[in-house]
N, C-alpha and C. Protein backbone atom coordinates (compact mmCIF):
# COMPACT_ATOMS: atom_id res chain seq x y z
N MET A 1 -80.52 134.51 197.64
CA MET A 1 -80.36 134.47 198.95
C MET A 1 -81.67 133.02 198.89
N THR A 2 -81.37 131.91 199.19
CA THR A 2 -81.88 131.17 199.58
C THR A 2 -82.63 130.61 200.38
N LEU A 3 -83.73 129.99 200.91
CA LEU A 3 -84.10 129.48 202.18
C LEU A 3 -84.22 128.39 201.99
N ASP A 4 -83.97 127.52 203.30
CA ASP A 4 -83.79 126.01 203.02
C ASP A 4 -85.27 125.33 202.88
N HIS A 5 -86.31 126.03 203.90
CA HIS A 5 -87.30 125.67 203.98
C HIS A 5 -88.43 126.68 204.37
N ILE A 6 -89.69 126.34 204.33
CA ILE A 6 -90.82 127.31 204.49
C ILE A 6 -91.80 126.25 204.73
N ALA A 7 -92.51 126.81 206.18
CA ALA A 7 -93.34 125.48 206.65
C ALA A 7 -94.67 126.42 206.32
N LEU A 8 -95.54 125.93 205.69
CA LEU A 8 -96.61 126.38 205.30
C LEU A 8 -97.95 125.31 205.90
N PRO A 9 -99.16 125.63 206.41
CA PRO A 9 -100.25 125.12 206.90
C PRO A 9 -100.62 124.30 205.83
N GLN A 10 -100.98 122.85 205.60
CA GLN A 10 -101.53 122.65 204.53
C GLN A 10 -102.26 123.31 203.74
N PRO A 11 -103.46 123.80 204.10
CA PRO A 11 -104.38 124.34 203.08
C PRO A 11 -103.68 125.64 202.41
N MET A 12 -102.60 126.31 202.93
CA MET A 12 -102.16 127.25 202.26
C MET A 12 -101.19 126.80 201.15
N ALA A 13 -100.49 125.54 202.13
CA ALA A 13 -99.71 124.76 200.78
C ALA A 13 -100.46 124.10 199.58
N ASP A 14 -101.57 123.85 199.80
CA ASP A 14 -102.52 123.28 198.93
C ASP A 14 -102.78 124.56 197.74
N LYS A 15 -103.27 125.64 198.41
CA LYS A 15 -103.68 126.40 197.46
C LYS A 15 -102.39 126.81 196.51
N VAL A 16 -100.92 126.96 197.03
CA VAL A 16 -99.59 127.38 196.35
C VAL A 16 -99.45 125.84 194.94
N ARG A 17 -99.81 124.98 195.53
CA ARG A 17 -99.48 124.06 194.53
C ARG A 17 -100.82 123.85 193.56
N GLN A 18 -102.24 124.27 193.89
CA GLN A 18 -102.95 124.54 192.82
C GLN A 18 -102.62 125.89 191.98
N ALA A 19 -101.90 126.98 192.55
CA ALA A 19 -101.68 127.94 191.57
C ALA A 19 -100.86 127.64 190.62
N VAL A 20 -99.84 126.93 190.87
CA VAL A 20 -98.93 126.37 190.31
C VAL A 20 -99.52 125.54 188.94
N GLU A 21 -100.16 124.21 189.32
CA GLU A 21 -100.62 123.42 188.37
C GLU A 21 -101.45 123.72 187.65
N ALA A 22 -102.34 125.01 188.21
CA ALA A 22 -102.85 125.87 186.99
C ALA A 22 -102.17 126.70 186.14
N GLY A 23 -101.03 127.17 186.32
CA GLY A 23 -100.27 127.86 185.28
C GLY A 23 -100.12 128.92 185.89
N GLU A 24 -100.82 129.63 186.56
CA GLU A 24 -100.63 131.09 187.62
C GLU A 24 -99.13 131.45 187.71
N TYR A 25 -98.25 130.53 187.85
CA TYR A 25 -96.97 130.42 188.47
C TYR A 25 -96.52 129.52 188.06
N ALA A 26 -95.01 129.80 187.34
CA ALA A 26 -94.10 128.67 187.06
C ALA A 26 -93.43 128.00 188.09
N SER A 27 -93.52 128.11 189.35
CA SER A 27 -92.95 127.71 190.65
C SER A 27 -93.54 127.79 191.80
N THR A 28 -93.02 126.98 192.97
CA THR A 28 -93.89 127.40 194.03
C THR A 28 -93.14 128.77 194.87
N SER A 29 -91.64 129.19 193.98
CA SER A 29 -91.03 130.09 194.47
C SER A 29 -91.39 131.21 193.84
N LYS A 30 -91.98 131.26 192.81
CA LYS A 30 -92.84 132.29 192.25
C LYS A 30 -93.74 132.92 192.73
N VAL A 31 -94.67 131.84 193.43
CA VAL A 31 -95.80 132.24 194.64
C VAL A 31 -95.21 133.12 195.55
N VAL A 32 -94.14 132.61 196.15
CA VAL A 32 -93.92 132.83 197.42
C VAL A 32 -93.17 134.26 197.17
N ARG A 33 -92.52 134.77 196.02
CA ARG A 33 -91.97 135.86 195.75
C ARG A 33 -93.41 137.10 195.67
N ASP A 34 -94.31 136.62 194.88
CA ASP A 34 -95.30 137.50 194.62
C ASP A 34 -96.00 137.66 195.83
N ALA A 35 -96.11 136.50 196.93
CA ALA A 35 -96.83 137.13 198.18
C ALA A 35 -96.28 138.13 198.72
N LEU A 36 -94.79 137.88 198.91
CA LEU A 36 -93.97 138.50 199.39
C LEU A 36 -93.64 139.84 198.90
N ARG A 37 -93.78 140.18 198.02
CA ARG A 37 -94.01 141.65 197.04
C ARG A 37 -95.67 142.07 197.64
N LEU A 38 -96.44 141.29 197.69
CA LEU A 38 -97.92 142.06 197.99
C LEU A 38 -97.85 142.60 199.59
N TRP A 39 -96.97 141.67 200.43
CA TRP A 39 -96.60 141.98 201.66
C TRP A 39 -96.03 143.50 201.93
N GLN A 40 -95.05 143.39 201.13
CA GLN A 40 -94.40 144.73 200.83
C GLN A 40 -94.85 145.61 200.46
N SER A 41 -95.96 145.54 199.43
CA SER A 41 -96.65 146.60 198.96
C SER A 41 -97.71 147.46 200.17
N ARG A 42 -98.29 146.04 200.69
CA ARG A 42 -99.28 146.56 201.81
C ARG A 42 -98.52 147.62 203.02
N ARG A 43 -97.31 146.87 203.02
CA ARG A 43 -96.59 147.27 204.05
C ARG A 43 -96.62 148.89 203.95
N GLU A 44 -96.05 149.40 202.76
CA GLU A 44 -95.62 150.72 202.34
C GLU A 44 -97.03 151.28 201.74
N LEU A 45 -98.26 150.86 201.69
CA LEU A 45 -99.67 151.22 202.07
C LEU A 45 -99.88 152.07 202.93
N ARG A 46 -99.35 150.71 203.78
CA ARG A 46 -99.85 151.07 205.37
C ARG A 46 -99.01 152.75 206.14
N GLU A 47 -98.09 152.44 205.62
CA GLU A 47 -97.05 153.77 205.94
C GLU A 47 -97.34 154.83 205.51
N ARG A 48 -97.66 154.46 203.89
CA ARG A 48 -98.31 156.40 203.17
C ARG A 48 -99.50 156.76 204.21
N ASP A 49 -100.52 155.57 204.70
CA ASP A 49 -101.81 155.84 205.63
C ASP A 49 -101.59 156.75 206.68
N VAL A 50 -100.29 155.97 207.05
CA VAL A 50 -100.04 156.57 208.62
C VAL A 50 -99.58 157.92 208.72
N GLU A 51 -98.63 158.18 207.35
CA GLU A 51 -98.26 159.55 207.14
C GLU A 51 -98.84 160.43 206.75
N PHE A 52 -100.15 160.02 205.74
CA PHE A 52 -101.20 160.95 205.23
C PHE A 52 -102.01 161.30 206.53
N LEU A 53 -102.31 160.12 207.32
CA LEU A 53 -103.36 160.51 208.65
C LEU A 53 -102.38 161.39 209.42
N ARG A 54 -101.30 161.48 209.46
CA ARG A 54 -100.71 162.08 210.52
C ARG A 54 -100.46 163.63 209.61
N GLU A 55 -100.49 163.73 208.93
CA GLU A 55 -100.46 165.22 208.42
C GLU A 55 -101.67 165.91 208.49
N ARG A 56 -102.82 164.90 208.18
CA ARG A 56 -103.72 165.61 208.20
C ARG A 56 -104.24 165.76 209.65
N CYS A 57 -103.86 165.19 210.72
CA CYS A 57 -103.93 165.19 211.89
C CYS A 57 -103.18 166.77 212.19
N ASN A 58 -102.16 167.02 211.97
CA ASN A 58 -101.13 167.90 212.22
C ASN A 58 -101.79 168.85 211.47
N ASP A 59 -102.55 169.44 210.47
CA ASP A 59 -103.29 170.25 209.32
C ASP A 59 -104.43 170.42 210.36
N GLY A 60 -105.32 169.61 210.87
CA GLY A 60 -106.32 170.06 211.60
C GLY A 60 -105.77 170.99 213.01
N LYS A 61 -104.59 170.16 214.02
CA LYS A 61 -104.46 170.89 215.07
C LYS A 61 -103.91 172.06 214.77
N SER A 62 -103.18 172.67 213.58
CA SER A 62 -102.57 173.94 213.40
C SER A 62 -103.76 175.00 212.78
N SER A 63 -104.78 174.23 212.44
CA SER A 63 -105.83 175.09 211.84
C SER A 63 -107.01 175.28 212.99
N ALA A 64 -106.75 174.54 213.75
CA ALA A 64 -107.90 174.78 215.27
C ALA A 64 -107.60 176.22 215.83
N THR A 65 -108.63 176.74 216.44
CA THR A 65 -108.66 177.96 217.05
C THR A 65 -108.90 177.81 218.78
N ALA A 66 -108.77 178.62 219.47
CA ALA A 66 -108.55 178.09 220.51
C ALA A 66 -109.64 178.55 221.32
N GLY A 67 -110.39 178.03 222.36
CA GLY A 67 -111.45 178.23 223.00
C GLY A 67 -112.32 177.47 223.14
N PRO A 68 -113.37 177.80 224.09
CA PRO A 68 -114.75 176.70 224.43
C PRO A 68 -115.37 176.30 223.02
N LEU A 69 -115.74 175.09 223.11
CA LEU A 69 -116.60 174.44 221.71
C LEU A 69 -118.05 174.86 222.35
N ASP A 70 -118.78 175.40 221.07
CA ASP A 70 -120.02 175.54 220.60
C ASP A 70 -120.99 174.79 220.65
N ALA A 71 -120.96 173.67 221.06
CA ALA A 71 -121.80 172.34 220.05
C ALA A 71 -123.54 173.12 220.00
N LYS A 72 -123.79 173.94 220.33
CA LYS A 72 -125.12 174.09 220.07
C LYS A 72 -125.13 174.76 218.32
N ARG A 73 -123.61 175.67 218.03
CA ARG A 73 -123.84 176.18 216.68
C ARG A 73 -123.31 175.44 216.03
N LEU A 74 -122.40 173.97 216.42
CA LEU A 74 -121.79 173.22 215.55
C LEU A 74 -122.85 172.17 215.28
N PHE A 75 -123.82 171.73 215.90
CA PHE A 75 -124.57 170.97 215.45
C PHE A 75 -125.83 171.63 214.77
N ALA A 76 -126.43 173.18 215.29
CA ALA A 76 -127.56 173.86 213.99
C ALA A 76 -126.73 174.18 212.80
N GLY A 77 -125.37 174.18 212.70
CA GLY A 77 -125.18 174.07 211.36
C GLY A 77 -125.14 172.57 210.24
N GLU A 78 -125.17 171.52 211.23
CA GLU A 78 -125.01 170.51 210.54
C GLU A 78 -126.35 170.05 210.45
N ARG A 79 -127.53 170.37 211.04
CA ARG A 79 -128.89 169.77 210.97
C ARG A 79 -129.66 170.20 209.64
N GLY A 80 -128.93 171.32 208.90
CA GLY A 80 -129.63 171.47 207.79
C GLY A 80 -128.92 170.83 206.36
N LYS A 81 -127.73 169.74 206.61
CA LYS A 81 -127.55 169.05 205.63
C LYS A 81 -128.34 167.52 205.61
N THR A 82 -128.62 167.23 204.56
CA THR A 82 -128.80 166.02 204.13
C THR A 82 -127.98 164.92 204.13
N ASP A 83 -128.44 163.44 204.11
CA ASP A 83 -127.19 162.37 203.96
C ASP A 83 -126.55 162.13 202.47
N ASP A 84 -127.44 163.13 201.55
CA ASP A 84 -126.73 162.87 200.40
C ASP A 84 -125.84 163.99 199.99
N GLN A 85 -126.00 165.29 200.58
CA GLN A 85 -125.37 165.96 200.53
C GLN A 85 -123.91 165.85 201.56
N ASP A 86 -123.90 164.79 202.26
CA ASP A 86 -122.72 164.57 203.23
C ASP A 86 -121.72 163.31 202.25
N ALA A 87 -122.40 162.81 201.64
CA ALA A 87 -121.67 161.55 201.11
C ALA A 87 -121.08 162.25 199.78
N SER A 88 -121.98 163.22 199.14
CA SER A 88 -121.75 163.46 197.82
C SER A 88 -120.17 164.79 197.81
N CYS A 89 -120.25 165.16 198.65
CA CYS A 89 -119.58 166.40 199.30
C CYS A 89 -117.83 166.56 198.78
N ASP A 90 -117.38 165.17 199.09
CA ASP A 90 -116.29 165.09 198.54
C ASP A 90 -115.97 164.22 197.07
N ARG A 91 -116.90 164.33 196.33
CA ARG A 91 -116.80 163.34 195.23
C ARG A 91 -116.43 164.51 194.12
N ASP A 92 -116.01 163.97 193.14
CA ASP A 92 -115.70 164.88 191.79
C ASP A 92 -116.55 164.69 191.07
N PRO A 93 -116.95 166.16 190.83
CA PRO A 93 -118.42 165.63 189.75
C PRO A 93 -118.10 165.46 188.11
N GLY A 94 -116.63 165.18 187.64
CA GLY A 94 -116.04 164.97 186.73
C GLY A 94 -115.66 163.35 186.86
N GLY A 95 -116.59 162.42 186.55
CA GLY A 95 -116.47 161.20 187.17
C GLY A 95 -115.59 160.27 186.08
N ASP A 96 -115.48 161.02 184.61
CA ASP A 96 -114.99 160.23 183.47
C ASP A 96 -113.51 160.16 183.84
N THR A 97 -112.67 160.17 184.73
CA THR A 97 -111.48 160.31 184.93
C THR A 97 -110.64 158.93 184.85
N PRO A 98 -109.52 158.67 184.62
CA PRO A 98 -109.01 157.27 184.39
C PRO A 98 -109.45 156.80 186.18
N LEU A 99 -109.32 157.40 187.36
CA LEU A 99 -109.43 157.04 188.49
C LEU A 99 -110.88 156.16 188.47
N ALA A 100 -112.13 156.91 187.80
CA ALA A 100 -113.44 156.43 187.74
C ALA A 100 -113.42 155.18 186.70
N GLU A 101 -112.71 155.30 185.74
CA GLU A 101 -112.77 154.36 184.62
C GLU A 101 -112.20 152.95 185.24
N LEU A 102 -110.77 152.78 186.32
CA LEU A 102 -110.14 151.97 186.64
C LEU A 102 -111.28 151.32 188.06
N TYR A 103 -111.63 152.16 188.33
CA TYR A 103 -112.62 151.77 189.60
C TYR A 103 -114.11 150.94 189.12
N ALA A 104 -114.79 151.22 187.86
CA ALA A 104 -115.53 150.75 187.30
C ALA A 104 -115.42 149.48 186.74
N ARG A 105 -114.18 149.40 186.09
CA ARG A 105 -113.48 147.97 185.64
C ARG A 105 -113.29 147.10 186.83
N ALA A 106 -112.91 147.73 187.91
CA ALA A 106 -112.62 147.08 189.49
C ALA A 106 -114.03 146.09 189.43
N PHE A 107 -115.17 146.70 189.73
CA PHE A 107 -116.33 145.90 189.78
C PHE A 107 -116.85 145.36 188.84
N SER A 108 -116.58 145.66 187.57
CA SER A 108 -117.50 145.19 186.55
C SER A 108 -116.62 143.35 186.46
N GLU A 109 -114.91 143.85 186.26
CA GLU A 109 -114.70 142.14 186.48
C GLU A 109 -114.27 141.30 187.41
N PHE A 110 -114.37 141.99 188.72
CA PHE A 110 -113.97 141.45 190.17
C PHE A 110 -115.13 141.80 191.24
N GLY A 111 -116.09 142.12 190.99
CA GLY A 111 -116.73 142.69 191.95
C GLY A 111 -117.63 141.36 192.55
N SER A 112 -118.01 140.43 191.96
CA SER A 112 -119.06 139.35 192.90
C SER A 112 -117.82 138.66 193.75
N ARG A 113 -116.28 138.48 193.33
CA ARG A 113 -115.43 137.57 193.66
C ARG A 113 -114.95 138.61 194.98
N ALA A 114 -114.17 139.74 194.57
CA ALA A 114 -113.15 140.17 195.39
C ALA A 114 -113.95 141.71 196.47
N LEU A 115 -115.02 142.19 195.34
CA LEU A 115 -115.39 143.72 195.88
C LEU A 115 -117.01 143.35 196.63
N TRP A 116 -117.14 142.19 196.85
CA TRP A 116 -118.45 141.42 197.11
C TRP A 116 -118.95 142.43 198.58
N ASN A 117 -117.83 142.83 199.31
CA ASN A 117 -118.69 143.58 200.61
C ASN A 117 -118.50 145.11 200.75
N MET A 118 -118.25 145.97 199.58
CA MET A 118 -118.01 147.09 198.92
C MET A 118 -119.45 147.55 198.37
N THR A 119 -119.51 148.89 198.62
CA THR A 119 -120.71 149.95 197.68
C THR A 119 -119.87 150.40 196.64
N LYS A 120 -120.62 150.38 195.31
CA LYS A 120 -120.65 150.55 194.47
C LYS A 120 -120.65 152.26 193.93
N PHE A 121 -119.93 153.25 193.85
CA PHE A 121 -120.14 154.99 193.91
C PHE A 121 -120.21 155.03 192.46
N GLU A 122 -120.99 156.00 192.08
CA GLU A 122 -121.21 156.24 190.68
C GLU A 122 -119.86 157.07 190.23
N VAL A 123 -119.64 158.09 191.23
CA VAL A 123 -118.80 159.20 190.95
C VAL A 123 -117.78 158.90 192.35
N PRO A 124 -116.26 157.79 191.84
CA PRO A 124 -115.93 157.80 193.52
C PRO A 124 -115.00 158.83 193.86
N THR A 125 -114.80 159.11 195.05
CA THR A 125 -113.44 159.67 195.44
C THR A 125 -112.32 158.98 195.29
N PRO A 126 -111.22 159.46 195.51
CA PRO A 126 -109.77 158.90 195.78
C PRO A 126 -109.81 157.50 196.91
N GLU A 127 -110.72 157.92 197.79
CA GLU A 127 -110.42 157.29 198.85
C GLU A 127 -111.41 155.87 198.74
N ASP A 128 -112.32 156.13 197.88
CA ASP A 128 -113.36 155.06 197.67
C ASP A 128 -112.21 153.86 196.14
N VAL A 129 -111.60 154.86 195.71
CA VAL A 129 -110.56 153.88 194.92
C VAL A 129 -109.48 152.96 195.36
N LEU A 130 -108.97 153.81 196.47
CA LEU A 130 -108.11 153.41 197.04
C LEU A 130 -108.68 151.92 198.00
N ALA A 131 -109.65 152.20 198.47
CA ALA A 131 -110.17 151.05 199.23
C ALA A 131 -110.77 149.82 198.47
N ALA A 132 -111.28 150.32 197.39
CA ALA A 132 -110.85 149.24 196.11
C ALA A 132 -109.94 148.26 195.87
N ALA A 133 -108.77 149.30 195.38
CA ALA A 133 -107.58 148.47 195.51
C ALA A 133 -107.12 147.85 196.39
N ARG A 134 -107.49 148.30 197.36
CA ARG A 134 -106.83 147.35 198.72
C ARG A 134 -107.54 145.98 198.76
N GLN A 135 -108.91 146.05 198.37
CA GLN A 135 -109.83 145.05 198.72
C GLN A 135 -109.46 144.15 197.23
N LEU A 136 -108.95 144.33 196.37
CA LEU A 136 -108.40 143.67 195.23
C LEU A 136 -107.52 143.22 195.61
N ARG A 137 -106.41 143.58 196.15
CA ARG A 137 -105.06 142.93 196.60
C ARG A 137 -105.42 141.80 197.58
N ARG A 138 -106.33 142.01 198.23
CA ARG A 138 -106.56 141.02 199.68
C ARG A 138 -107.58 140.20 199.00
N GLU A 139 -108.44 140.15 198.60
CA GLU A 139 -109.43 139.08 198.12
C GLU A 139 -109.01 138.74 196.74
N GLY A 140 -108.47 139.25 195.36
CA GLY A 140 -108.27 138.67 194.02
C GLY A 140 -107.07 138.07 194.01
N GLY A 141 -106.96 137.52 192.52
CA GLY A 141 -106.05 136.62 192.27
C GLY A 141 -104.86 137.98 191.70
N LEU A 142 -104.16 137.30 190.84
CA LEU A 142 -103.43 138.10 189.98
C LEU A 142 -103.60 139.11 189.27
N PRO A 143 -105.16 138.30 188.22
CA PRO A 143 -105.51 139.94 187.49
C PRO A 143 -105.83 140.96 188.12
N ALA A 144 -106.83 140.75 189.72
CA ALA A 144 -107.18 141.53 190.33
C ALA A 144 -105.87 142.58 191.00
N ARG A 145 -104.79 141.84 191.17
CA ARG A 145 -103.97 142.51 191.72
C ARG A 145 -103.44 143.55 191.01
N ARG A 146 -102.67 142.97 189.64
CA ARG A 146 -102.58 144.12 188.42
C ARG A 146 -103.39 145.26 188.42
N LEU A 147 -104.80 145.16 188.40
CA LEU A 147 -105.36 146.13 188.22
C LEU A 147 -105.43 147.00 189.57
N ALA A 148 -105.34 146.48 191.32
CA ALA A 148 -104.64 147.15 191.98
C ALA A 148 -104.06 148.21 191.90
N GLU A 149 -102.63 147.78 191.03
CA GLU A 149 -101.68 148.67 190.84
C GLU A 149 -101.87 149.61 190.12
N GLN A 150 -102.95 149.38 189.09
CA GLN A 150 -102.49 150.33 187.82
C GLN A 150 -103.73 151.66 189.01
N MET A 151 -104.39 151.01 189.70
CA MET A 151 -105.60 152.04 190.25
C MET A 151 -104.49 152.88 191.36
N GLU A 152 -103.36 152.41 192.08
CA GLU A 152 -102.56 152.87 192.95
C GLU A 152 -101.51 153.89 191.94
N LYS A 153 -101.06 153.60 191.21
CA LYS A 153 -100.68 154.31 190.29
C LYS A 153 -101.07 155.63 189.76
N ALA A 154 -102.46 155.69 189.31
CA ALA A 154 -103.63 156.53 188.87
C ALA A 154 -103.58 157.06 190.12
N LEU A 155 -103.76 156.77 191.33
CA LEU A 155 -103.93 157.72 192.51
C LEU A 155 -102.60 158.64 192.78
N ASN A 156 -101.60 158.12 192.55
CA ASN A 156 -100.28 158.93 192.87
C ASN A 156 -100.29 159.86 191.79
N ALA A 157 -101.11 159.78 190.40
CA ALA A 157 -100.61 160.85 189.51
C ALA A 157 -101.99 161.68 189.99
N HIS A 158 -102.70 161.37 191.04
CA HIS A 158 -104.02 162.31 190.47
C HIS A 158 -103.49 163.53 191.47
N PRO A 159 -104.33 164.66 190.93
CA PRO A 159 -103.82 165.95 192.02
C PRO A 159 -104.29 165.61 193.22
């Protein structure tokens, strides 16, 4: 399928030309195809996230017990926890997984450019890895997006 014309704002058109001139892409069509693949991937990730949240919500609903909420008992149990316990409770103690390696690589290679607004965890959760992969896709160039793809594949293989 061919499109006769695609209108872009001048700053975007300049970026496309710069990418082609720098040799990152062979043509402007390749830039548009890559952008559309990235857009499609983001949509698929969003759909997966929504489905995941739906499942978690349904799990929560089905595990709930009916009756009045005892707020005093609920808060009494939380007072004994420290912030460190809360933050580390979902982290995998075996941090030498492929996920952790890819996550560390993302920060070492693209941290200052693409992950500048994220906190790096020594032992990341799958959610931390997913957040970093998404940020790489949004803020990074082609090499960052390729690493994000590897991270997402590793997440899909993660138990």
